C-alpha atoms as a PDB file:
ATOM      1  CA  UNK A   1      57.518  27.118 -44.461  1.00  0.00           C
ATOM      2  CA  UNK A   2      54.894  29.452 -44.845  1.00  0.00           C
ATOM      3  CA  UNK A   3      53.294  31.781 -42.053  1.00  0.00           C
ATOM      4  CA  UNK A   4      50.342  29.441 -41.834  1.00  0.00           C
ATOM      5  CA  UNK A   5      52.225  26.454 -41.187  1.00  0.00           C
ATOM      6  CA  UNK A   6      54.890  27.959 -38.918  1.00  0.00           C
ATOM      7  CA  UNK A   7      56.003  25.366 -36.305  1.00  0.00           C
ATOM      8  CA  UNK A   8      54.339  25.779 -32.699  1.00  0.00           C
ATOM      9  CA  UNK A   9      56.485  27.014 -29.691  1.00  0.00           C
ATOM     10  CA  UNK A  10      58.651  24.073 -28.366  1.00  0.00           C
ATOM     11  CA  UNK A  11      59.096  22.514 -31.837  1.00  0.00           C
ATOM     12  CA  UNK A  12      62.370  21.491 -33.131  1.00  0.00           C
ATOM     13  CA  UNK A  13      62.922  22.662 -36.807  1.00  0.00           C
ATOM     14  CA  UNK A  14      65.980  23.351 -39.206  1.00  0.00           C
ATOM     15  CA  UNK A  15      67.070  26.554 -40.307  1.00  0.00           C
ATOM     16  CA  UNK A  16      67.877  25.913 -43.776  1.00  0.00           C
ATOM     17  CA  UNK A  17      69.601  29.128 -44.099  1.00  0.00           C
ATOM     18  CA  UNK A  18      72.030  28.498 -41.339  1.00  0.00           C
ATOM     19  CA  UNK A  19      71.822  24.962 -41.274  1.00  0.00           C
ATOM     20  CA  UNK A  20      71.358  24.802 -37.416  1.00  0.00           C
ATOM     21  CA  UNK A  21      68.748  22.757 -35.652  1.00  0.00           C
ATOM     22  CA  UNK A  22      66.696  25.230 -32.921  1.00  0.00           C
ATOM     23  CA  UNK A  23      63.696  24.753 -30.730  1.00  0.00           C
ATOM     24  CA  UNK A  24      60.908  27.480 -31.580  1.00  0.00           C
ATOM     25  CA  UNK A  25      60.756  29.999 -28.436  1.00  0.00           C
ATOM     26  CA  UNK A  26      58.761  32.750 -29.743  1.00  0.00           C
ATOM     27  CA  UNK A  27      57.548  34.807 -32.976  1.00  0.00           C
ATOM     28  CA  UNK A  28      58.886  38.351 -33.116  1.00  0.00           C
ATOM     29  CA  UNK A  29      57.400  40.587 -36.104  1.00  0.00           C
ATOM     30  CA  UNK A  30      57.820  38.266 -39.223  1.00  0.00           C
ATOM     31  CA  UNK A  31      60.611  35.954 -37.811  1.00  0.00           C
ATOM     32  CA  UNK A  32      61.069  32.870 -35.270  1.00  0.00           C
ATOM     33  CA  UNK A  33      63.133  32.830 -32.443  1.00  0.00           C
ATOM     34  CA  UNK A  34      65.138  29.859 -32.197  1.00  0.00           C
ATOM     35  CA  UNK A  35      67.227  28.387 -29.658  1.00  0.00           C
ATOM     36  CA  UNK A  36      69.693  25.767 -30.073  1.00  0.00           C
ATOM     37  CA  UNK A  37      68.787  22.318 -28.299  1.00  0.00           C
ATOM     38  CA  UNK A  38      71.114  22.156 -25.973  1.00  0.00           C
ATOM     39  CA  UNK A  39      70.649  25.854 -24.996  1.00  0.00           C
ATOM     40  CA  UNK A  40      72.325  28.597 -25.792  1.00  0.00           C
ATOM     41  CA  UNK A  41      71.765  31.996 -27.509  1.00  0.00           C
ATOM     42  CA  UNK A  42      68.708  32.373 -29.510  1.00  0.00           C
ATOM     43  CA  UNK A  43      68.574  33.723 -33.102  1.00  0.00           C
ATOM     44  CA  UNK A  44      66.199  34.742 -35.747  1.00  0.00           C
ATOM     45  CA  UNK A  45      65.215  32.937 -38.574  1.00  0.00           C
ATOM     46  CA  UNK A  46      62.687  33.454 -41.411  1.00  0.00           C
ATOM     47  CA  UNK A  47      59.692  31.195 -41.452  1.00  0.00           C
ATOM     48  CA  UNK A  48      60.084  30.487 -45.049  1.00  0.00           C
ATOM     49  CA  UNK A  49      63.726  29.132 -44.076  1.00  0.00           C
ATOM     50  CA  UNK A  50      62.219  26.699 -41.671  1.00  0.00           C
ATOM     51  CA  UNK A  51      61.605  22.833 -42.449  1.00  0.00           C
ATOM     52  CA  UNK A  52      60.600  20.054 -39.985  1.00  0.00           C
ATOM     53  CA  UNK A  53      63.352  17.667 -39.135  1.00  0.00           C
ATOM     54  CA  UNK A  54      63.635  14.093 -40.417  1.00  0.00           C
ATOM     55  CA  UNK A  55      63.400  11.606 -37.692  1.00  0.00           C
ATOM     56  CA  UNK A  56      67.253  11.078 -37.623  1.00  0.00           C
ATOM     57  CA  UNK A  57      67.762  15.127 -37.098  1.00  0.00           C
ATOM     58  CA  UNK A  58      64.990  15.072 -34.498  1.00  0.00           C
ATOM     59  CA  UNK A  59      66.658  12.338 -32.393  1.00  0.00           C
ATOM     60  CA  UNK A  60      69.951  13.567 -32.754  1.00  0.00           C
ATOM     61  CA  UNK A  61      68.660  16.850 -31.473  1.00  0.00           C
ATOM     62  CA  UNK A  62      67.104  15.559 -28.855  1.00  0.00           C
ATOM     63  CA  UNK A  63      69.868  13.581 -27.443  1.00  0.00           C
ATOM     64  CA  UNK A  64      71.892  16.634 -27.329  1.00  0.00           C
ATOM     65  CA  UNK A  65      69.263  18.312 -25.598  1.00  0.00           C
ATOM     66  CA  UNK A  66      69.124  15.539 -22.777  1.00  0.00           C
ATOM     67  CA  UNK A  67      72.739  15.324 -22.631  1.00  0.00           C
ATOM     68  CA  UNK A  68      73.105  19.245 -22.145  1.00  0.00           C
ATOM     69  CA  UNK A  69      70.892  19.233 -19.320  1.00  0.00           C
ATOM     70  CA  UNK A  70      72.569  16.086 -17.586  1.00  0.00           C
ATOM     71  CA  UNK A  71      75.628  17.792 -17.452  1.00  0.00           C
ATOM     72  CA  UNK A  72      73.949  20.939 -16.074  1.00  0.00           C
ATOM     73  CA  UNK A  73      72.107  18.735 -13.281  1.00  0.00           C
ATOM     74  CA  UNK A  74      68.928  19.748 -15.044  1.00  0.00           C
END
């Protein structure tokens, strides 16, 4: 993704460099801060390494996030 097409905060996206799915939390300098959908430690990714999720990946990430919230009582 180019800077002009950087995902919005709150969007689930795939970091192609690490192979991990993350929710966009913030933009810092030239990087995007991502957090796993089920919670955890944020990591930084370059905008050009991000791509939108396909429908299957999106559903899987959302289910993982809901399951994590239900276990923690949120």
